[in-house]
Amino acid sequence: MSNASGKEIYRQRPRIAETPFGILKSIMGFRQFLLRRLEKVKTEWIWAATAFNIAKLARALAILRAAGSKSVAES
């Protein structure tokens, strides 16, 4: 944080690190854990993170599929 490169990295934090939590809370409705005890909460968090990653993968595949069909149509 004392030099310019450190400040630039820290400035990217909200976009990179906090976006998944915002999506999990607002869009996916994951506002609180339903189970108790650390082991069960860890399992519930893994499920939530897996659901987020699968949705992210589906969006990326849709973009690739659209780009592929566009290039096929142009040929």
PDB file of N, CA and C in Angstrom:
ATOM      1  N   MET A   1       0.806  -1.193   0.000  1.00  0.00           N
ATOM      2  CA  MET A   1       0.000   0.000   0.000  1.00  0.00           C
ATOM      3  C   MET A   1       0.854   1.265   0.000  1.00  0.00           C
ATOM      4  N   SER A   2       2.140   1.118   0.238  1.00  0.00           N
ATOM      5  CA  SER A   2       2.982   2.310   0.318  1.00  0.00           C
ATOM      6  C   SER A   2       3.426   2.813  -1.049  1.00  0.00           C
ATOM      7  N   ASN A   3       3.332   1.958  -2.072  1.00  0.00           N
ATOM      8  CA  ASN A   3       3.740   2.418  -3.405  1.00  0.00           C
ATOM      9  C   ASN A   3       2.546   2.383  -4.366  1.00  0.00           C
ATOM     10  N   ALA A   4       2.749   2.887  -5.561  1.00  0.00           N
ATOM     11  CA  ALA A   4       1.654   3.020  -6.536  1.00  0.00           C
ATOM     12  C   ALA A   4       1.117   1.674  -6.992  1.00  0.00           C
ATOM     13  N   SER A   5       2.004   0.680  -7.181  1.00  0.00           N
ATOM     14  CA  SER A   5       1.519  -0.631  -7.647  1.00  0.00           C
ATOM     15  C   SER A   5       0.658  -1.308  -6.584  1.00  0.00           C
ATOM     16  N   GLY A   6       1.006  -1.164  -5.318  1.00  0.00           N
ATOM     17  CA  GLY A   6       0.195  -1.722  -4.242  1.00  0.00           C
ATOM     18  C   GLY A   6      -1.172  -1.071  -4.170  1.00  0.00           C
ATOM     19  N   LYS A   7      -1.217   0.232  -4.365  1.00  0.00           N
ATOM     20  CA  LYS A   7      -2.486   0.947  -4.354  1.00  0.00           C
ATOM     21  C   LYS A   7      -3.365   0.534  -5.528  1.00  0.00           C
ATOM     22  N   GLU A   8      -2.758   0.275  -6.677  1.00  0.00           N
ATOM     23  CA  GLU A   8      -3.519  -0.157  -7.860  1.00  0.00           C
ATOM     24  C   GLU A   8      -4.127  -1.539  -7.627  1.00  0.00           C
ATOM     25  N   ILE A   9      -3.353  -2.429  -7.036  1.00  0.00           N
ATOM     26  CA  ILE A   9      -3.861  -3.774  -6.737  1.00  0.00           C
ATOM     27  C   ILE A   9      -5.022  -3.684  -5.749  1.00  0.00           C
ATOM     28  N   TYR A  10      -4.868  -2.861  -4.725  1.00  0.00           N
ATOM     29  CA  TYR A  10      -5.923  -2.719  -3.725  1.00  0.00           C
ATOM     30  C   TYR A  10      -7.171  -2.074  -4.315  1.00  0.00           C
ATOM     31  N   ARG A  11      -7.003  -1.210  -5.285  1.00  0.00           N
ATOM     32  CA  ARG A  11      -8.137  -0.548  -5.935  1.00  0.00           C
ATOM     33  C   ARG A  11      -8.975  -1.553  -6.725  1.00  0.00           C
ATOM     34  N   GLN A  12      -8.393  -2.659  -7.169  1.00  0.00           N
ATOM     35  CA  GLN A  12      -9.116  -3.676  -7.934  1.00  0.00           C
ATOM     36  C   GLN A  12      -9.885  -4.636  -7.039  1.00  0.00           C
ATOM     37  N   ARG A  13      -9.646  -4.584  -5.728  1.00  0.00           N
ATOM     38  CA  ARG A  13     -10.248  -5.526  -4.806  1.00  0.00           C
ATOM     39  C   ARG A  13     -11.766  -5.565  -4.864  1.00  0.00           C
ATOM     40  N   PRO A  14     -12.466  -4.437  -4.838  1.00  0.00           N
ATOM     41  CA  PRO A  14     -13.934  -4.534  -4.863  1.00  0.00           C
ATOM     42  C   PRO A  14     -14.469  -5.261  -6.087  1.00  0.00           C
ATOM     43  N   ARG A  15     -13.849  -5.052  -7.209  1.00  0.00           N
ATOM     44  CA  ARG A  15     -14.325  -5.670  -8.445  1.00  0.00           C
ATOM     45  C   ARG A  15     -14.026  -7.165  -8.450  1.00  0.00           C
ATOM     46  N   ILE A  16     -12.876  -7.569  -7.951  1.00  0.00           N
ATOM     47  CA  ILE A  16     -12.457  -8.964  -8.032  1.00  0.00           C
ATOM     48  C   ILE A  16     -12.968  -9.780  -6.853  1.00  0.00           C
ATOM     49  N   ALA A  17     -12.708  -9.314  -5.653  1.00  0.00           N
ATOM     50  CA  ALA A  17     -12.960 -10.132  -4.466  1.00  0.00           C
ATOM     51  C   ALA A  17     -14.372 -10.009  -3.924  1.00  0.00           C
ATOM     52  N   GLU A  18     -15.014  -8.877  -4.062  1.00  0.00           N
ATOM     53  CA  GLU A  18     -16.302  -8.691  -3.413  1.00  0.00           C
ATOM     54  C   GLU A  18     -17.490  -8.930  -4.335  1.00  0.00           C
ATOM     55  N   THR A  19     -17.281  -8.985  -5.627  1.00  0.00           N
ATOM     56  CA  THR A  19     -18.371  -9.241  -6.572  1.00  0.00           C
ATOM     57  C   THR A  19     -19.024 -10.603  -6.354  1.00  0.00           C
ATOM     58  N   PRO A  20     -18.252 -11.690  -6.178  1.00  0.00           N
ATOM     59  CA  PRO A  20     -18.913 -12.977  -5.943  1.00  0.00           C
ATOM     60  C   PRO A  20     -19.818 -12.979  -4.709  1.00  0.00           C
ATOM     61  N   PHE A  21     -19.391 -12.304  -3.645  1.00  0.00           N
ATOM     62  CA  PHE A  21     -20.228 -12.250  -2.449  1.00  0.00           C
ATOM     63  C   PHE A  21     -21.504 -11.467  -2.709  1.00  0.00           C
ATOM     64  N   GLY A  22     -21.417 -10.396  -3.465  1.00  0.00           N
ATOM     65  CA  GLY A  22     -22.601  -9.625  -3.810  1.00  0.00           C
ATOM     66  C   GLY A  22     -23.573 -10.427  -4.660  1.00  0.00           C
ATOM     67  N   ILE A  23     -23.048 -11.186  -5.608  1.00  0.00           N
ATOM     68  CA  ILE A  23     -23.903 -12.025  -6.453  1.00  0.00           C
ATOM     69  C   ILE A  23     -24.558 -13.124  -5.629  1.00  0.00           C
ATOM     70  N   LEU A  24     -23.766 -13.764  -4.748  1.00  0.00           N
ATOM     71  CA  LEU A  24     -24.325 -14.809  -3.900  1.00  0.00           C
ATOM     72  C   LEU A  24     -25.441 -14.265  -3.007  1.00  0.00           C
ATOM     73  N   LYS A  25     -25.250 -13.060  -2.494  1.00  0.00           N
ATOM     74  CA  LYS A  25     -26.249 -12.498  -1.583  1.00  0.00           C
ATOM     75  C   LYS A  25     -27.475 -11.962  -2.307  1.00  0.00           C
ATOM     76  N   SER A  26     -27.270 -11.149  -3.325  1.00  0.00           N
ATOM     77  CA  SER A  26     -28.418 -10.471  -3.923  1.00  0.00           C
ATOM     78  C   SER A  26     -29.118 -11.298  -4.986  1.00  0.00           C
ATOM     79  N   ILE A  27     -28.380 -11.916  -5.869  1.00  0.00           N
ATOM     80  CA  ILE A  27     -28.999 -12.633  -6.986  1.00  0.00           C
ATOM     81  C   ILE A  27     -29.376 -14.062  -6.603  1.00  0.00           C
ATOM     82  N   MET A  28     -28.457 -14.740  -5.897  1.00  0.00           N
ATOM     83  CA  MET A  28     -28.701 -16.139  -5.564  1.00  0.00           C
ATOM     84  C   MET A  28     -29.426 -16.315  -4.228  1.00  0.00           C
ATOM     85  N   GLY A  29     -29.602 -15.227  -3.489  1.00  0.00           N
ATOM     86  CA  GLY A  29     -30.372 -15.282  -2.255  1.00  0.00           C
ATOM     87  C   GLY A  29     -29.690 -15.969  -1.089  1.00  0.00           C
ATOM     88  N   PHE A  30     -28.385 -16.071  -1.105  1.00  0.00           N
ATOM     89  CA  PHE A  30     -27.635 -16.731  -0.033  1.00  0.00           C
ATOM     90  C   PHE A  30     -27.285 -15.687   1.028  1.00  0.00           C
ATOM     91  N   ARG A  31     -28.215 -15.407   1.927  1.00  0.00           N
ATOM     92  CA  ARG A  31     -28.042 -14.340   2.920  1.00  0.00           C
ATOM     93  C   ARG A  31     -27.574 -14.872   4.269  1.00  0.00           C
ATOM     94  N   GLN A  32     -27.883 -16.114   4.571  1.00  0.00           N
ATOM     95  CA  GLN A  32     -27.442 -16.678   5.847  1.00  0.00           C
ATOM     96  C   GLN A  32     -27.362 -18.190   5.718  1.00  0.00           C
ATOM     97  N   PHE A  33     -26.611 -18.781   6.616  1.00  0.00           N
ATOM     98  CA  PHE A  33     -26.493 -20.236   6.620  1.00  0.00           C
ATOM     99  C   PHE A  33     -27.726 -20.831   7.286  1.00  0.00           C
ATOM    100  N   LEU A  34     -28.180 -21.940   6.746  1.00  0.00           N
ATOM    101  CA  LEU A  34     -29.374 -22.588   7.273  1.00  0.00           C
ATOM    102  C   LEU A  34     -29.045 -23.613   8.342  1.00  0.00           C
ATOM    103  N   LEU A  35     -27.818 -24.101   8.340  1.00  0.00           N
ATOM    104  CA  LEU A  35     -27.413 -25.153   9.262  1.00  0.00           C
ATOM    105  C   LEU A  35     -26.510 -24.589  10.350  1.00  0.00           C
ATOM    106  N   ARG A  36     -26.291 -25.381  11.377  1.00  0.00           N
ATOM    107  CA  ARG A  36     -25.412 -24.996  12.475  1.00  0.00           C
ATOM    108  C   ARG A  36     -24.251 -25.973  12.563  1.00  0.00           C
ATOM    109  N   ARG A  37     -23.210 -25.574  13.234  1.00  0.00           N
ATOM    110  CA  ARG A  37     -21.949 -26.297  13.415  1.00  0.00           C
ATOM    111  C   ARG A  37     -21.046 -26.048  12.218  1.00  0.00           C
ATOM    112  N   LEU A  38     -19.783 -25.914  12.528  1.00  0.00           N
ATOM    113  CA  LEU A  38     -18.814 -25.498  11.528  1.00  0.00           C
ATOM    114  C   LEU A  38     -18.731 -26.464  10.345  1.00  0.00           C
ATOM    115  N   GLU A  39     -18.768 -27.738  10.586  1.00  0.00           N
ATOM    116  CA  GLU A  39     -18.671 -28.723   9.508  1.00  0.00           C
ATOM    117  C   GLU A  39     -19.827 -28.571   8.517  1.00  0.00           C
ATOM    118  N   LYS A  40     -21.033 -28.393   9.038  1.00  0.00           N
ATOM    119  CA  LYS A  40     -22.197 -28.243   8.169  1.00  0.00           C
ATOM    120  C   LYS A  40     -22.188 -26.907   7.434  1.00  0.00           C
ATOM    121  N   VAL A  41     -21.713 -25.852   8.103  1.00  0.00           N
ATOM    122  CA  VAL A  41     -21.620 -24.542   7.464  1.00  0.00           C
ATOM    123  C   VAL A  41     -20.594 -24.584   6.334  1.00  0.00           C
ATOM    124  N   LYS A  42     -19.475 -25.279   6.555  1.00  0.00           N
ATOM    125  CA  LYS A  42     -18.464 -25.422   5.498  1.00  0.00           C
ATOM    126  C   LYS A  42     -19.053 -26.135   4.285  1.00  0.00           C
ATOM    127  N   THR A  43     -19.823 -27.181   4.535  1.00  0.00           N
ATOM    128  CA  THR A  43     -20.460 -27.904   3.436  1.00  0.00           C
ATOM    129  C   THR A  43     -21.445 -27.020   2.694  1.00  0.00           C
ATOM    130  N   GLU A  44     -22.219 -26.245   3.429  1.00  0.00           N
ATOM    131  CA  GLU A  44     -23.191 -25.350   2.807  1.00  0.00           C
ATOM    132  C   GLU A  44     -22.475 -24.277   1.976  1.00  0.00           C
ATOM    133  N   TRP A  45     -21.343 -23.764   2.494  1.00  0.00           N
ATOM    134  CA  TRP A  45     -20.580 -22.757   1.757  1.00  0.00           C
ATOM    135  C   TRP A  45     -19.989 -23.355   0.471  1.00  0.00           C
ATOM    136  N   ILE A  46     -19.514 -24.584   0.536  1.00  0.00           N
ATOM    137  CA  ILE A  46     -18.972 -25.245  -0.659  1.00  0.00           C
ATOM    138  C   ILE A  46     -20.056 -25.386  -1.719  1.00  0.00           C
ATOM    139  N   TRP A  47     -21.274 -25.732  -1.315  1.00  0.00           N
ATOM    140  CA  TRP A  47     -22.383 -25.839  -2.264  1.00  0.00           C
ATOM    141  C   TRP A  47     -22.700 -24.485  -2.900  1.00  0.00           C
ATOM    142  N   ALA A  48     -22.697 -23.439  -2.091  1.00  0.00           N
ATOM    143  CA  ALA A  48     -22.989 -22.103  -2.619  1.00  0.00           C
ATOM    144  C   ALA A  48     -21.901 -21.668  -3.597  1.00  0.00           C
ATOM    145  N   ALA A  49     -20.638 -21.898  -3.242  1.00  0.00           N
ATOM    146  CA  ALA A  49     -19.532 -21.524  -4.123  1.00  0.00           C
ATOM    147  C   ALA A  49     -19.547 -22.349  -5.408  1.00  0.00           C
ATOM    148  N   THR A  50     -19.906 -23.617  -5.294  1.00  0.00           N
ATOM    149  CA  THR A  50     -19.999 -24.465  -6.481  1.00  0.00           C
ATOM    150  C   THR A  50     -21.112 -23.978  -7.406  1.00  0.00           C
ATOM    151  N   ALA A  51     -22.241 -23.615  -6.845  1.00  0.00           N
ATOM    152  CA  ALA A  51     -23.346 -23.086  -7.662  1.00  0.00           C
ATOM    153  C   ALA A  51     -22.928 -21.801  -8.364  1.00  0.00           C
ATOM    154  N   PHE A  52     -22.215 -20.926  -7.655  1.00  0.00           N
ATOM    155  CA  PHE A  52     -21.725 -19.689  -8.265  1.00  0.00           C
ATOM    156  C   PHE A  52     -20.778 -19.997  -9.421  1.00  0.00           C
ATOM    157  N   ASN A  53     -19.849 -20.926  -9.212  1.00  0.00           N
ATOM    158  CA  ASN A  53     -18.869 -21.269 -10.251  1.00  0.00           C
ATOM    159  C   ASN A  53     -19.520 -21.936 -11.459  1.00  0.00           C
ATOM    160  N   ILE A  54     -20.527 -22.759 -11.233  1.00  0.00           N
ATOM    161  CA  ILE A  54     -21.229 -23.390 -12.353  1.00  0.00           C
ATOM    162  C   ILE A  54     -21.976 -22.341 -13.169  1.00  0.00           C
ATOM    163  N   ALA A  55     -22.607 -21.379 -12.486  1.00  0.00           N
ATOM    164  CA  ALA A  55     -23.291 -20.305 -13.202  1.00  0.00           C
ATOM    165  C   ALA A  55     -22.298 -19.473 -14.000  1.00  0.00           C
ATOM    166  N   LYS A  56     -21.137 -19.217 -13.427  1.00  0.00           N
ATOM    167  CA  LYS A  56     -20.088 -18.467 -14.126  1.00  0.00           C
ATOM    168  C   LYS A  56     -19.590 -19.247 -15.349  1.00  0.00           C
ATOM    169  N   LEU A  57     -19.427 -20.547 -15.195  1.00  0.00           N
ATOM    170  CA  LEU A  57     -19.009 -21.401 -16.306  1.00  0.00           C
ATOM    171  C   LEU A  57     -20.059 -21.411 -17.408  1.00  0.00           C
ATOM    172  N   ALA A  58     -21.334 -21.472 -17.040  1.00  0.00           N
ATOM    173  CA  ALA A  58     -22.410 -21.470 -18.035  1.00  0.00           C
ATOM    174  C   ALA A  58     -22.416 -20.164 -18.830  1.00  0.00           C
ATOM    175  N   ARG A  59     -22.188 -19.027 -18.148  1.00  0.00           N
ATOM    176  CA  ARG A  59     -22.118 -17.750 -18.857  1.00  0.00           C
ATOM    177  C   ARG A  59     -20.943 -17.723 -19.828  1.00  0.00           C
ATOM    178  N   ALA A  60     -19.790 -18.244 -19.395  1.00  0.00           N
ATOM    179  CA  ALA A  60     -18.614 -18.265 -20.265  1.00  0.00           C
ATOM    180  C   ALA A  60     -18.845 -19.170 -21.475  1.00  0.00           C
ATOM    181  N   LEU A  61     -19.488 -20.314 -21.266  1.00  0.00           N
ATOM    182  CA  LEU A  61     -19.776 -21.216 -22.383  1.00  0.00           C
ATOM    183  C   LEU A  61     -20.768 -20.590 -23.358  1.00  0.00           C
ATOM    184  N   ALA A  62     -21.737 -19.852 -22.843  1.00  0.00           N
ATOM    185  CA  ALA A  62     -22.697 -19.181 -23.724  1.00  0.00           C
ATOM    186  C   ALA A  62     -21.998 -18.142 -24.590  1.00  0.00           C
ATOM    187  N   ILE A  63     -21.047 -17.427 -24.022  1.00  0.00           N
ATOM    188  CA  ILE A  63     -20.288 -16.436 -24.792  1.00  0.00           C
ATOM    189  C   ILE A  63     -19.456 -17.119 -25.864  1.00  0.00           C
ATOM    190  N   LEU A  64     -18.793 -18.217 -25.494  1.00  0.00           N
ATOM    191  CA  LEU A  64     -17.987 -18.956 -26.479  1.00  0.00           C
ATOM    192  C   LEU A  64     -18.855 -19.545 -27.581  1.00  0.00           C
ATOM    193  N   ARG A  65     -20.010 -20.071 -27.205  1.00  0.00           N
ATOM    194  CA  ARG A  65     -20.915 -20.658 -28.191  1.00  0.00           C
ATOM    195  C   ARG A  65     -21.417 -19.590 -29.157  1.00  0.00           C
ATOM    196  N   ALA A  66     -21.750 -18.414 -28.641  1.00  0.00           N
ATOM    197  CA  ALA A  66     -22.220 -17.325 -29.496  1.00  0.00           C
ATOM    198  C   ALA A  66     -21.118 -16.864 -30.440  1.00  0.00           C
ATOM    199  N   ALA A  67     -19.895 -16.776 -29.932  1.00  0.00           N
ATOM    200  CA  ALA A  67     -18.772 -16.365 -30.780  1.00  0.00           C
ATOM    201  C   ALA A  67     -18.485 -17.416 -31.851  1.00  0.00           C
ATOM    202  N   GLY A  68     -18.628 -18.685 -31.497  1.00  0.00           N
ATOM    203  CA  GLY A  68     -18.411 -19.756 -32.460  1.00  0.00           C
ATOM    204  C   GLY A  68     -19.456 -19.778 -33.543  1.00  0.00           C
ATOM    205  N   SER A  69     -20.716 -19.581 -33.183  1.00  0.00           N
ATOM    206  CA  SER A  69     -21.770 -19.582 -34.204  1.00  0.00           C
ATOM    207  C   SER A  69     -21.686 -18.348 -35.083  1.00  0.00           C
ATOM    208  N   LYS A  70     -21.188 -17.254 -34.522  1.00  0.00           N
ATOM    209  CA  LYS A  70     -21.008 -16.046 -35.319  1.00  0.00           C
ATOM    210  C   LYS A  70     -19.910 -16.251 -36.371  1.00  0.00           C
ATOM    211  N   SER A  71     -18.829 -16.907 -35.957  1.00  0.00           N
ATOM    212  CA  SER A  71     -17.731 -17.126 -36.907  1.00  0.00           C
ATOM    213  C   SER A  71     -18.135 -18.135 -37.977  1.00  0.00           C
ATOM    214  N   VAL A  72     -18.970 -19.117 -37.638  1.00  0.00           N
ATOM    215  CA  VAL A  72     -19.445 -20.086 -38.617  1.00  0.00           C
ATOM    216  C   VAL A  72     -20.364 -19.398 -39.622  1.00  0.00           C
ATOM    217  N   ALA A  73     -21.215 -18.495 -39.125  1.00  0.00           N
ATOM    218  CA  ALA A  73     -22.144 -17.787 -40.013  1.00  0.00           C
ATOM    219  C   ALA A  73     -21.415 -16.876 -40.984  1.00  0.00           C
ATOM    220  N   GLU A  74     -20.281 -16.341 -40.569  1.00  0.00           N
ATOM    221  CA  GLU A  74     -19.519 -15.442 -41.433  1.00  0.00           C
ATOM    222  C   GLU A  74     -18.763 -16.193 -42.527  1.00  0.00           C
ATOM    223  N   SER A  75     -18.488 -17.496 -42.304  1.00  0.00           N
ATOM    224  CA  SER A  75     -17.718 -18.236 -43.306  1.00  0.00           C
ATOM    225  C   SER A  75     -18.550 -18.756 -44.438  1.00  0.00           C
TER     226      SER A  75
END
